[in-house]
Amino acid sequence: MSNAIKTNLPAGIDSSNFAFESPIKNLILVKKGTSLASVTAAKVKANWTTLIGSLAAYVPTGLASYSDTGDKLKINTTAFGKKFVVMDGIPSMQAMLEVASGDHLELMNALSNGLYGVYFVLMNGNIKGWVDGNGAFQPFTARVHATTAGAQVLDKPEDFYPLDILFQDYEEFKASVIADLAWNADRELVAAMPFGLSMIPTAAYNTTSGVQSVQITSRGVDGDSLGYAGLVAADFAVISSNVTVPAITTVTDNGNGLYDLTVNKAATPVALAAGDYVIVQVKKGTPVTAVSNELQVTA
C-alpha cells in the first residue's frame, strides 16, 4: 500500500553489474508456512530436495509461458486535476504449464484457491523469494487455482493448462532476494520430484469385508497394461478421515496394478459403516519416490 509518504532518496547504484532480471522458467509451490532458514540455506540443494521428498514442495515439469495479470497502480485525480497514488496494485500471474495431462488433472483436484507459498525459479537457474526480519528465505504468499479451458485450442495447445497465481502482499516483493546458486534449480528440482501414480476404485467399498479394490497405474494411464505392481501396506498412508482410528490393515497385491485395501476403523478394526470415510494415498519410500492422488474411501 502507498498510504505512507516518504521523501528520502534511494541508496546508491551498482553501475558495474547492470542486467535485467532473468525471466521465470518454473515455480516451486510450498505448503503455507514453509520457508528456508536463510538465503544461505536456500543455496543448498539438499534443503530443497528434502522438502520435495516430504511432499512439502511441488515443482511442475515446467512453464510453456506466463503473463502478468496483476492490477496496476491506483491513481486518483482531484477536482483541481492533481494526481496522487492511492495504492499499489497487488501482483498476479497466469502461468501456462508444460505438464502431462494426468499431472494437470491432479493439479486441478489439489489446487483450488487455497493459500500457498510460491518461489520463482529463474531462467538462469537461480531462485527468487523474499527475506523477512528474521533472515528467513520466504516464498511469496499467493492463492493458487488450476483450471482448464475444456476444449483444446487448435493452434495454441501450449495454453491448455493454466495456473492462476494471485499474490497477497505487495510488501513481500519489496523485500525480494535472488538466491544465486552454483547448481541449476529447474533441472535439479524437477529431477527430484516423486513419480506420479493414479489410483482409482474398481468397485464399491465392501462394508462386510472392509475391502476397497483399486487399480494403480503410472500417472495418466487408464489401461491395466501399465499397472504399478509391488506396493505393500507401508506404501499406503491415511491422509484424513471422520472415524476414530482409521487404518489400512492389509494390502493384497493382485498383480498388474490391482490391489485390495482393507480399510478399517476403531481400536479393534471393523469395517466402515454408512457415513464413514477415509482418504488414502500412495506414499512410497522415505523420502517419497512415488505418490498417487488422494482417494476417498466411503462406506
Protein backbone atom coordinates (compact mmCIF):
# COMPACT_ATOMS: atom_id res chain seq x y z
CA MET A 1 0.00 0.00 0.00
CA SER A 2 1.14 3.55 -0.71
CA ASN A 3 -0.72 5.43 2.01
CA ALA A 4 2.58 6.42 3.72
CA ILE A 5 4.54 9.23 2.07
CA LYS A 6 8.34 9.09 2.04
CA THR A 7 10.70 11.78 0.82
CA ASN A 8 14.07 10.05 1.28
CA LEU A 9 16.16 9.24 -1.80
CA PRO A 10 17.14 5.72 -2.88
CA ALA A 11 20.53 4.49 -1.62
CA GLY A 12 23.21 4.19 -4.27
CA ILE A 13 23.53 2.27 -7.53
CA ASP A 14 25.52 -0.66 -8.89
CA SER A 15 26.84 0.54 -12.25
CA SER A 16 29.24 -2.41 -12.58
CA ASN A 17 26.62 -5.17 -12.61
CA PHE A 18 23.59 -3.94 -14.55
CA ALA A 19 21.36 -6.58 -16.12
CA PHE A 20 17.63 -7.14 -16.45
CA GLU A 21 16.30 -9.77 -14.09
CA SER A 22 16.12 -13.25 -15.58
CA PRO A 23 12.57 -14.34 -16.62
CA ILE A 24 10.67 -17.01 -14.71
CA LYS A 25 11.21 -20.54 -16.02
CA ASN A 26 9.43 -22.59 -13.35
CA LEU A 27 7.74 -22.43 -9.97
CA ILE A 28 8.19 -24.06 -6.58
CA LEU A 29 4.89 -24.39 -4.68
CA VAL A 30 5.20 -25.00 -0.95
CA LYS A 31 2.72 -25.54 1.84
CA LYS A 32 1.68 -22.42 3.73
CA GLY A 33 4.18 -21.67 6.48
CA THR A 34 7.09 -23.38 4.71
CA SER A 35 10.34 -21.47 4.28
CA LEU A 36 14.11 -21.91 4.48
CA ALA A 37 16.16 -20.58 7.38
CA SER A 38 18.23 -18.15 5.30
CA VAL A 39 19.41 -17.26 1.82
CA THR A 40 22.49 -19.35 2.58
CA ALA A 41 20.25 -22.34 3.35
CA ALA A 42 18.43 -21.73 0.04
CA LYS A 43 21.70 -22.29 -1.82
CA VAL A 44 21.92 -25.88 -0.51
CA LYS A 45 20.23 -28.30 -2.92
CA ALA A 46 19.56 -30.90 -0.21
CA ASN A 47 17.30 -28.45 1.66
CA TRP A 48 15.02 -28.25 -1.38
CA THR A 49 15.08 -31.97 -2.16
CA THR A 50 14.16 -32.67 1.48
CA LEU A 51 11.05 -30.51 1.06
CA ILE A 52 10.19 -32.31 -2.18
CA GLY A 53 10.79 -35.76 -0.67
CA SER A 54 8.47 -34.97 2.26
CA LEU A 55 5.77 -33.64 -0.14
CA ALA A 56 6.08 -30.14 1.35
CA ALA A 57 7.12 -28.72 -2.04
CA TYR A 58 5.91 -29.29 -5.60
CA VAL A 59 7.80 -28.44 -8.80
CA PRO A 60 5.94 -28.86 -12.12
CA THR A 61 7.70 -30.11 -15.24
CA GLY A 62 7.94 -26.53 -16.49
CA LEU A 63 6.18 -23.46 -17.86
CA ALA A 64 5.20 -23.00 -21.50
CA SER A 65 4.66 -19.27 -20.89
CA TYR A 66 3.22 -16.83 -18.37
CA SER A 67 1.54 -13.44 -18.32
CA ASP A 68 1.14 -10.56 -15.87
CA THR A 69 -2.49 -10.34 -14.71
CA GLY A 70 -1.93 -8.01 -11.75
CA ASP A 71 -3.77 -4.80 -11.01
CA LYS A 72 -1.98 -1.60 -11.93
CA LEU A 73 -1.16 1.34 -9.70
CA LYS A 74 -4.35 3.01 -8.41
CA ILE A 75 -4.18 6.76 -9.13
CA ASN A 76 -6.93 9.25 -8.30
CA THR A 77 -7.33 12.80 -9.64
CA THR A 78 -8.61 15.67 -7.50
CA ALA A 79 -11.20 18.17 -8.69
CA PHE A 80 -8.29 20.52 -9.46
CA GLY A 81 -6.50 18.00 -11.69
CA LYS A 82 -3.78 16.91 -9.28
CA LYS A 83 -2.99 13.21 -9.28
CA PHE A 84 -1.96 11.13 -6.29
CA VAL A 85 -1.30 7.45 -5.62
CA VAL A 86 -4.00 5.68 -3.63
CA MET A 87 -2.46 2.20 -3.52
CA ASP A 88 -0.08 -0.15 -5.23
CA GLY A 89 -1.59 -2.89 -7.34
CA ILE A 90 -1.28 -6.43 -6.00
CA PRO A 91 0.68 -8.61 -8.45
CA SER A 92 -0.78 -11.73 -10.01
CA MET A 93 0.12 -14.00 -12.90
CA GLN A 94 -1.26 -16.75 -15.08
CA ALA A 95 1.25 -19.50 -15.77
CA MET A 96 0.71 -21.87 -18.69
CA LEU A 97 2.09 -25.18 -17.50
CA GLU A 98 4.13 -27.59 -19.57
CA VAL A 99 2.90 -30.79 -17.91
CA ALA A 100 1.37 -34.15 -18.76
CA SER A 101 -2.44 -34.32 -18.88
CA GLY A 102 -2.58 -36.60 -15.84
CA ASP A 103 -0.45 -34.19 -13.84
CA HIS A 104 -2.78 -31.32 -14.72
CA LEU A 105 -5.81 -33.32 -13.55
CA GLU A 106 -4.04 -33.81 -10.22
CA LEU A 107 -3.27 -30.07 -10.07
CA MET A 108 -6.92 -29.19 -10.70
CA ASN A 109 -8.07 -31.54 -7.94
CA ALA A 110 -5.45 -30.29 -5.49
CA LEU A 111 -5.17 -26.54 -6.21
CA SER A 112 -8.48 -24.78 -5.65
CA ASN A 113 -7.90 -21.19 -4.49
CA GLY A 114 -6.00 -22.21 -1.36
CA LEU A 115 -3.12 -20.28 0.17
CA TYR A 116 0.40 -21.43 -0.72
CA GLY A 117 3.92 -20.13 -0.91
CA VAL A 118 5.46 -19.58 -4.36
CA TYR A 119 9.15 -19.32 -5.20
CA PHE A 120 10.26 -18.34 -8.70
CA VAL A 121 12.85 -20.48 -10.49
CA LEU A 122 14.54 -18.14 -12.94
CA MET A 123 15.81 -18.86 -16.45
CA ASN A 124 19.41 -18.71 -15.19
CA GLY A 125 18.69 -21.46 -12.62
CA ASN A 126 18.50 -19.21 -9.54
CA ILE A 127 15.58 -18.98 -7.07
CA LYS A 128 13.72 -15.82 -6.11
CA GLY A 129 11.90 -15.32 -2.83
CA TRP A 130 11.94 -12.66 -0.11
CA VAL A 131 13.69 -12.26 3.23
CA ASP A 132 11.79 -11.50 6.44
CA GLY A 133 13.02 -9.72 9.58
CA ASN A 134 14.49 -12.95 10.95
CA GLY A 135 16.55 -13.57 7.83
CA ALA A 136 14.38 -16.47 6.62
CA PHE A 137 14.11 -17.02 2.85
CA GLN A 138 10.36 -16.91 2.35
CA PRO A 139 8.09 -17.69 -0.62
CA PHE A 140 5.60 -15.17 -1.99
CA THR A 141 2.17 -15.76 -0.44
CA ALA A 142 -0.49 -16.50 -3.05
CA ARG A 143 -3.83 -18.09 -3.74
CA VAL A 144 -3.32 -20.74 -6.42
CA HIS A 145 -6.03 -22.13 -8.67
CA ALA A 146 -5.62 -24.64 -11.51
CA THR A 147 -8.27 -24.66 -14.25
CA THR A 148 -8.87 -25.95 -17.74
CA ALA A 149 -10.30 -24.36 -20.85
CA GLY A 150 -12.15 -27.61 -21.50
CA ALA A 151 -11.54 -27.72 -25.23
CA GLN A 152 -8.00 -27.73 -26.56
CA VAL A 153 -7.21 -24.58 -28.53
CA LEU A 154 -6.47 -25.69 -32.09
CA ASP A 155 -3.44 -23.50 -32.76
CA LYS A 156 -2.17 -22.96 -29.16
CA PRO A 157 -2.05 -26.31 -27.34
CA GLU A 158 0.56 -24.84 -25.01
CA ASP A 159 -2.15 -22.66 -23.41
CA PHE A 160 -4.31 -25.61 -22.30
CA TYR A 161 -3.06 -25.91 -18.70
CA PRO A 162 -3.42 -22.53 -16.93
CA LEU A 163 -2.48 -21.91 -13.32
CA ASP A 164 -3.69 -18.62 -11.80
CA ILE A 165 -1.47 -17.25 -9.02
CA LEU A 166 -2.95 -14.37 -7.02
CA PHE A 167 -0.33 -12.85 -4.75
CA GLN A 168 -1.47 -11.48 -1.40
CA ASP A 169 1.14 -8.99 -0.19
CA TYR A 170 2.85 -6.30 -2.26
CA GLU A 171 5.35 -5.67 0.55
CA GLU A 172 6.85 -9.15 0.07
CA PHE A 173 8.03 -8.12 -3.40
CA LYS A 174 9.74 -5.05 -1.94
CA ALA A 175 11.87 -7.41 0.17
CA SER A 176 12.65 -9.84 -2.67
CA VAL A 177 16.04 -11.55 -2.91
CA ILE A 178 17.51 -13.89 -5.52
CA ALA A 179 19.50 -16.86 -4.21
CA ASP A 180 22.47 -17.17 -6.58
CA LEU A 181 23.03 -20.91 -6.95
CA ALA A 182 26.02 -22.95 -8.05
CA TRP A 183 23.56 -25.55 -9.44
CA ASN A 184 20.54 -25.24 -11.76
CA ALA A 185 17.35 -25.26 -9.69
CA ASP A 186 14.99 -26.02 -12.58
CA ARG A 187 16.85 -29.08 -13.84
CA GLU A 188 17.78 -30.49 -10.42
CA LEU A 189 14.47 -29.98 -8.64
CA VAL A 190 12.30 -31.35 -11.45
CA ALA A 191 14.53 -34.45 -11.40
CA ALA A 192 13.95 -34.79 -7.64
CA MET A 193 10.14 -34.90 -7.94
CA PRO A 194 8.44 -38.19 -6.97
CA PHE A 195 6.97 -40.37 -9.72
CA GLY A 196 3.24 -39.72 -10.19
CA LEU A 197 0.68 -42.55 -9.87
CA SER A 198 -3.06 -42.72 -10.49
CA MET A 199 -5.26 -44.63 -8.05
CA ILE A 200 -8.90 -45.29 -8.99
CA PRO A 201 -11.54 -47.58 -7.40
CA THR A 202 -12.56 -50.65 -9.39
CA ALA A 203 -15.55 -51.49 -7.17
CA ALA A 204 -17.56 -50.01 -4.31
CA TYR A 205 -16.25 -50.37 -0.74
CA ASN A 206 -17.34 -53.69 0.77
CA THR A 207 -18.88 -52.95 4.18
CA THR A 208 -18.74 -56.66 5.12
CA SER A 209 -15.09 -57.42 4.38
CA GLY A 210 -13.79 -53.84 4.65
CA VAL A 211 -12.10 -54.16 1.26
CA GLN A 212 -11.68 -51.34 -1.25
CA SER A 213 -10.43 -52.62 -4.61
CA VAL A 214 -8.31 -50.18 -6.62
CA GLN A 215 -6.16 -50.01 -9.72
CA ILE A 216 -2.86 -48.16 -9.58
CA THR A 217 -1.11 -47.12 -12.78
CA SER A 218 1.53 -44.72 -13.94
CA ARG A 219 0.03 -41.21 -13.96
CA GLY A 220 -2.49 -40.65 -16.76
CA VAL A 221 -2.65 -44.31 -17.90
CA ASP A 222 -6.10 -45.93 -17.80
CA GLY A 223 -5.18 -49.38 -19.15
CA ASP A 224 -4.07 -52.23 -16.93
CA SER A 225 -1.10 -52.98 -19.20
CA LEU A 226 0.92 -50.39 -17.29
CA GLY A 227 -0.27 -51.28 -13.80
CA TYR A 228 2.10 -50.35 -10.97
CA ALA A 229 2.80 -53.54 -9.02
CA GLY A 230 4.85 -54.28 -5.94
CA LEU A 231 3.33 -51.92 -3.37
CA VAL A 232 2.97 -53.09 0.23
CA ALA A 233 0.91 -51.86 3.20
CA ALA A 234 3.69 -49.49 4.32
CA ASP A 235 3.39 -47.66 0.97
CA PHE A 236 -0.19 -46.54 1.72
CA ALA A 237 -0.99 -43.64 4.05
CA VAL A 238 -4.19 -42.37 5.66
CA ILE A 239 -4.47 -38.64 4.91
CA SER A 240 -7.66 -37.82 6.83
CA SER A 241 -10.95 -39.36 7.92
CA ASN A 242 -14.05 -38.88 10.06
CA VAL A 243 -13.54 -42.06 12.12
CA THR A 244 -11.73 -42.57 15.42
CA VAL A 245 -8.89 -44.90 14.39
CA PRO A 246 -8.61 -45.07 10.59
CA ALA A 247 -6.25 -47.73 9.29
CA ILE A 248 -5.24 -49.66 6.20
CA THR A 249 -4.76 -53.01 7.92
CA THR A 250 -3.82 -55.20 4.94
CA VAL A 251 -2.90 -54.73 1.29
CA THR A 252 -3.18 -57.55 -1.23
CA ASP A 253 -1.28 -57.17 -4.49
CA ASN A 254 -3.29 -58.97 -7.18
CA GLY A 255 -0.77 -58.12 -9.92
CA ASN A 256 -0.85 -55.71 -12.83
CA GLY A 257 -1.62 -52.76 -10.53
CA LEU A 258 -4.75 -54.27 -8.95
CA TYR A 259 -4.90 -54.11 -5.15
CA ASP A 260 -7.34 -54.91 -2.37
CA LEU A 261 -7.03 -52.44 0.51
CA THR A 262 -8.63 -53.41 3.81
CA VAL A 263 -9.72 -50.09 5.28
CA ASN A 264 -10.98 -50.22 8.87
CA LYS A 265 -11.84 -48.08 11.88
CA ALA A 266 -11.76 -48.26 15.71
CA ALA A 267 -9.14 -49.71 18.08
CA THR A 268 -10.46 -53.19 17.30
CA PRO A 269 -10.57 -52.97 13.50
CA VAL A 270 -14.05 -53.11 11.99
CA ALA A 271 -15.30 -52.17 8.54
CA LEU A 272 -16.51 -48.67 7.79
CA ALA A 273 -20.23 -48.04 8.18
CA ALA A 274 -22.59 -45.71 6.34
CA GLY A 275 -21.35 -42.12 6.57
CA ASP A 276 -17.74 -43.08 7.34
CA TYR A 277 -14.89 -42.12 5.05
CA VAL A 278 -11.09 -42.48 4.97
CA ILE A 279 -8.87 -40.64 2.48
CA VAL A 280 -5.88 -42.73 1.40
CA GLN A 281 -2.82 -42.09 -0.75
CA VAL A 282 0.21 -43.99 -2.01
CA LYS A 283 3.39 -42.58 -0.46
CA LYS A 284 6.22 -44.92 -1.35
CA GLY A 285 9.53 -44.56 0.44
CA THR A 286 11.21 -42.07 2.76
CA PRO A 287 11.88 -39.69 1.10
CA VAL A 288 8.84 -40.27 -1.09
CA THR A 289 9.78 -41.62 -4.54
CA ALA A 290 6.28 -42.38 -5.86
CA VAL A 291 2.98 -40.74 -4.90
CA SER A 292 -0.63 -41.06 -6.04
CA ASN A 293 -3.69 -38.85 -5.99
CA GLU A 294 -5.78 -38.90 -2.82
CA LEU A 295 -8.70 -41.36 -2.90
CA GLN A 296 -11.71 -41.06 -0.61
CA VAL A 297 -12.95 -44.47 0.53
CA THR A 298 -16.58 -44.10 1.55
CA ALA A 299 -18.89 -46.75 3.02
